[in-house]
Protein backbone atom coordinates (compact mmCIF):
# COMPACT_ATOMS: atom_id res chain seq x y z
CA MET A 1 0.00 0.00 0.00
CA ALA A 2 1.47 3.34 -1.05
CA LEU A 3 1.39 6.19 1.41
CA SER A 4 -0.33 9.36 0.31
CA THR A 5 1.99 12.26 -0.45
CA SER A 6 -0.67 14.94 -0.23
CA SER A 7 -3.30 16.12 2.22
CA ALA A 8 -6.05 18.67 2.49
CA ILE A 9 -5.02 21.21 5.10
CA THR A 10 -6.60 24.30 6.60
CA LEU A 11 -4.37 27.31 7.10
CA ASN A 12 -5.42 30.31 9.20
CA ILE A 13 -3.88 33.22 7.33
CA ASN A 14 -4.52 36.84 8.24
CA GLY A 15 -7.58 35.80 10.22
CA GLU A 16 -9.15 33.78 7.39
CA LYS A 17 -9.26 30.02 7.05
CA HIS A 18 -8.14 28.53 3.73
CA THR A 19 -8.56 24.82 2.99
CA LEU A 20 -6.46 23.45 0.17
CA PRO A 21 -4.88 20.21 -0.97
CA VAL A 22 -1.09 20.30 -0.83
CA ASP A 23 1.77 17.97 -1.52
CA HIS A 24 3.48 17.23 1.81
CA ARG A 25 6.68 18.78 0.46
CA THR A 26 5.05 22.16 -0.29
CA THR A 27 6.59 24.99 1.69
CA LEU A 28 4.46 27.57 3.41
CA LEU A 29 5.95 30.15 1.03
CA ASP A 30 4.82 28.23 -2.05
CA ALA A 31 1.37 27.62 -0.59
CA LEU A 32 0.99 31.35 0.11
CA ARG A 33 2.24 32.55 -3.27
CA GLU A 34 1.20 29.81 -5.69
CA ARG A 35 -1.94 28.38 -4.12
CA LEU A 36 -3.48 31.36 -2.28
CA ASP A 37 -2.19 34.25 -4.45
CA LEU A 38 -0.72 36.05 -1.40
CA THR A 39 2.27 37.34 -3.33
CA GLY A 40 3.39 40.00 -0.85
CA THR A 41 5.68 37.45 0.75
CA LYS A 42 8.70 37.22 -1.54
CA LYS A 43 10.84 34.30 -2.64
CA GLY A 44 14.45 35.35 -2.42
CA CYS A 45 17.05 32.68 -1.82
CA ASP A 46 14.70 29.74 -1.09
CA GLN A 47 17.30 28.62 1.49
CA GLY A 48 16.31 30.60 4.61
CA GLN A 49 19.25 32.99 4.33
CA CYS A 50 17.80 36.27 3.05
CA GLY A 51 14.61 36.80 5.09
CA ALA A 52 12.53 38.02 2.12
CA CYS A 53 9.92 35.35 2.89
CA THR A 54 9.56 36.20 6.60
CA VAL A 55 6.02 35.91 7.95
CA LEU A 56 4.64 35.74 11.47
CA VAL A 57 3.59 32.32 12.75
CA ASP A 58 1.82 32.52 16.10
CA GLY A 59 3.32 36.01 16.44
CA ARG A 60 6.91 34.85 15.92
CA ARG A 61 8.90 35.39 12.78
CA ALA A 62 9.49 32.45 10.50
CA VAL A 63 11.18 32.10 7.14
CA SER A 64 8.35 30.55 5.17
CA CYS A 65 10.62 28.95 2.56
CA LEU A 66 11.85 26.50 5.21
CA GLN A 67 8.51 25.73 6.85
CA LEU A 68 6.26 23.09 5.39
CA ALA A 69 2.66 24.10 4.79
CA VAL A 70 1.40 20.94 6.53
CA ALA A 71 3.38 21.93 9.65
CA SER A 72 1.61 25.31 9.64
CA GLU A 73 -1.88 23.90 10.02
CA GLY A 74 -3.60 25.11 13.19
CA ARG A 75 -1.26 28.06 13.61
CA GLU A 76 -1.97 31.78 13.19
CA ILE A 77 -0.10 32.98 10.12
CA THR A 78 0.25 36.68 9.37
CA THR A 79 1.66 37.85 6.07
CA ILE A 80 2.38 41.40 4.95
CA GLU A 81 -1.16 41.51 3.58
CA GLY A 82 -2.51 41.07 7.11
CA VAL A 83 -0.49 43.50 9.23
CA ALA A 84 -2.49 46.66 8.48
CA GLN A 85 -5.84 47.29 10.15
CA GLY A 86 -8.07 48.06 7.17
CA ASN A 87 -6.76 51.27 5.61
CA GLN A 88 -4.64 52.06 8.71
CA LEU A 89 -1.04 51.01 8.18
CA HIS A 90 0.73 49.14 10.95
CA PRO A 91 3.15 51.49 12.78
CA VAL A 92 6.09 49.58 11.29
CA GLN A 93 4.71 50.01 7.77
CA GLN A 94 4.15 53.72 8.43
CA ALA A 95 7.69 54.12 9.76
CA PHE A 96 9.15 52.40 6.70
CA LEU A 97 7.13 54.79 4.54
CA ASP A 98 8.05 57.89 6.59
CA LEU A 99 11.78 57.11 6.69
CA ASP A 100 12.31 55.49 3.28
CA GLY A 101 13.10 52.12 4.82
CA TYR A 102 12.91 50.55 1.39
CA GLN A 103 14.29 51.14 -2.07
CA CYS A 104 13.26 48.51 -4.59
CA GLY A 105 10.80 47.12 -2.04
CA TYR A 106 11.52 43.45 -2.67
CA CYS A 107 12.74 42.73 0.86
CA THR A 108 10.29 45.13 2.52
CA PRO A 109 7.48 42.63 3.33
CA GLY A 110 9.94 40.35 5.13
CA GLN A 111 11.64 43.32 6.79
CA VAL A 112 8.29 44.64 8.08
CA CYS A 113 7.16 41.26 9.43
CA SER A 114 10.54 40.74 11.07
CA ALA A 115 10.51 44.25 12.57
CA ILE A 116 7.07 43.64 14.09
CA ALA A 117 8.41 40.53 15.82
CA VAL A 118 11.66 42.29 16.83
CA ILE A 119 9.69 44.99 18.63
CA GLU A 120 7.58 42.38 20.44
CA GLU A 121 10.65 40.29 21.36
CA HIS A 122 12.41 43.35 22.72
CA ALA A 123 9.36 44.49 24.70
CA ALA A 124 9.15 41.00 26.22
CA GLY A 125 12.76 41.35 27.41
CA TRP A 126 14.30 38.77 25.11
CA PRO A 127 18.06 39.38 24.82
CA SER A 128 19.96 39.35 21.55
CA ALA A 129 23.61 38.65 20.79
CA ALA A 130 24.18 42.41 21.16
CA THR A 131 22.60 42.62 24.63
CA THR A 132 25.39 43.44 27.09
CA ASP A 133 23.62 42.42 30.31
CA VAL A 134 21.33 39.42 29.94
CA ARG A 135 20.51 39.01 33.64
CA PRO A 136 16.73 39.21 34.25
CA GLU A 137 17.23 41.84 36.95
CA ALA A 138 18.92 44.09 34.35
CA GLY A 139 15.52 44.61 32.75
CA VAL A 140 14.74 45.28 29.12
CA PRO A 141 17.80 46.60 27.29
CA GLU A 142 17.66 49.85 25.37
CA LEU A 143 16.63 49.24 21.78
CA SER A 144 19.77 50.84 20.40
CA ALA A 145 20.77 50.88 16.75
CA GLU A 146 23.21 48.06 17.52
CA GLU A 147 20.38 45.97 19.05
CA ILE A 148 18.14 46.62 16.06
CA ARG A 149 20.88 45.72 13.58
CA GLU A 150 21.59 42.46 15.42
CA ARG A 151 17.92 41.55 15.76
CA MET A 152 17.22 42.32 12.08
CA SER A 153 20.38 40.62 10.80
CA GLY A 154 18.44 37.73 9.25
CA ASN A 155 16.85 40.08 6.73
CA LEU A 156 19.04 41.20 3.86
CA CYS A 157 18.51 44.29 1.71
CA ARG A 158 20.33 44.19 -1.60
CA CYS A 159 19.75 47.92 -2.10
CA GLY A 160 21.47 48.77 1.19
CA ALA A 161 18.64 50.67 2.89
CA TYR A 162 19.87 49.49 6.30
CA VAL A 163 20.29 52.94 7.86
CA SER A 164 16.67 53.82 7.08
CA ILE A 165 15.45 50.37 8.14
CA VAL A 166 17.11 50.76 11.55
CA GLN A 167 15.58 54.23 11.93
CA ALA A 168 12.15 52.91 10.92
CA VAL A 169 12.28 50.06 13.47
CA ALA A 170 13.37 52.51 16.18
CA GLN A 171 10.53 54.91 15.31
CA ALA A 172 7.94 52.12 15.31
CA ALA A 173 9.28 50.76 18.61
CA ALA A 174 9.04 54.24 20.14
CA ALA A 175 5.45 54.55 18.89
CA ASN A 176 4.70 51.11 20.35
CA THR A 177 6.17 52.14 23.72
CA GLU A 178 4.19 55.39 23.73
CA GLY A 179 1.00 53.47 22.92
CA THR A 180 1.69 51.01 25.74
CA GLU A 181 2.33 53.81 28.24
CA ALA A 182 -0.90 55.55 27.20
CA VAL A 183 -2.85 52.37 27.95
CA ALA A 184 -1.16 51.77 31.33
């Protein structure tokens, strides 16, 4: 008896459920782009090295070219198409727009998704390789340019818009902090 190499799966993407048959070897990236026409997520290296395909899976960043679609079933997937609230851009998107954090725009969807997760990781107190004092009692480190560069290092920009990207992440993080303080 031959084992089946495909299954019908249901993916929860940007708050909508999509049921589709997929080959078990189909990556999340290919399911998004080729099966669901969500082409905002870009295919760059197809090896998990450039970050162009970064999406959020259960709020954490993931390179979708290395994640199988079948392994994504039952998880909350957010692509660049799902980060805005209607016509209101996400603060990270707005910061990228305000500070020219893009040039050709190819890497921008992955950069934005990664930046959203970076801001959340930092706010939760997660250290990075650039964090000088990782002791819990040290508290949340300052989100310096060095911290942002380290945390965003998995996302490459062939145009070299890194200075503006760092500024955009810092501006969005500051807006996020201000919004949190206003709620408190």
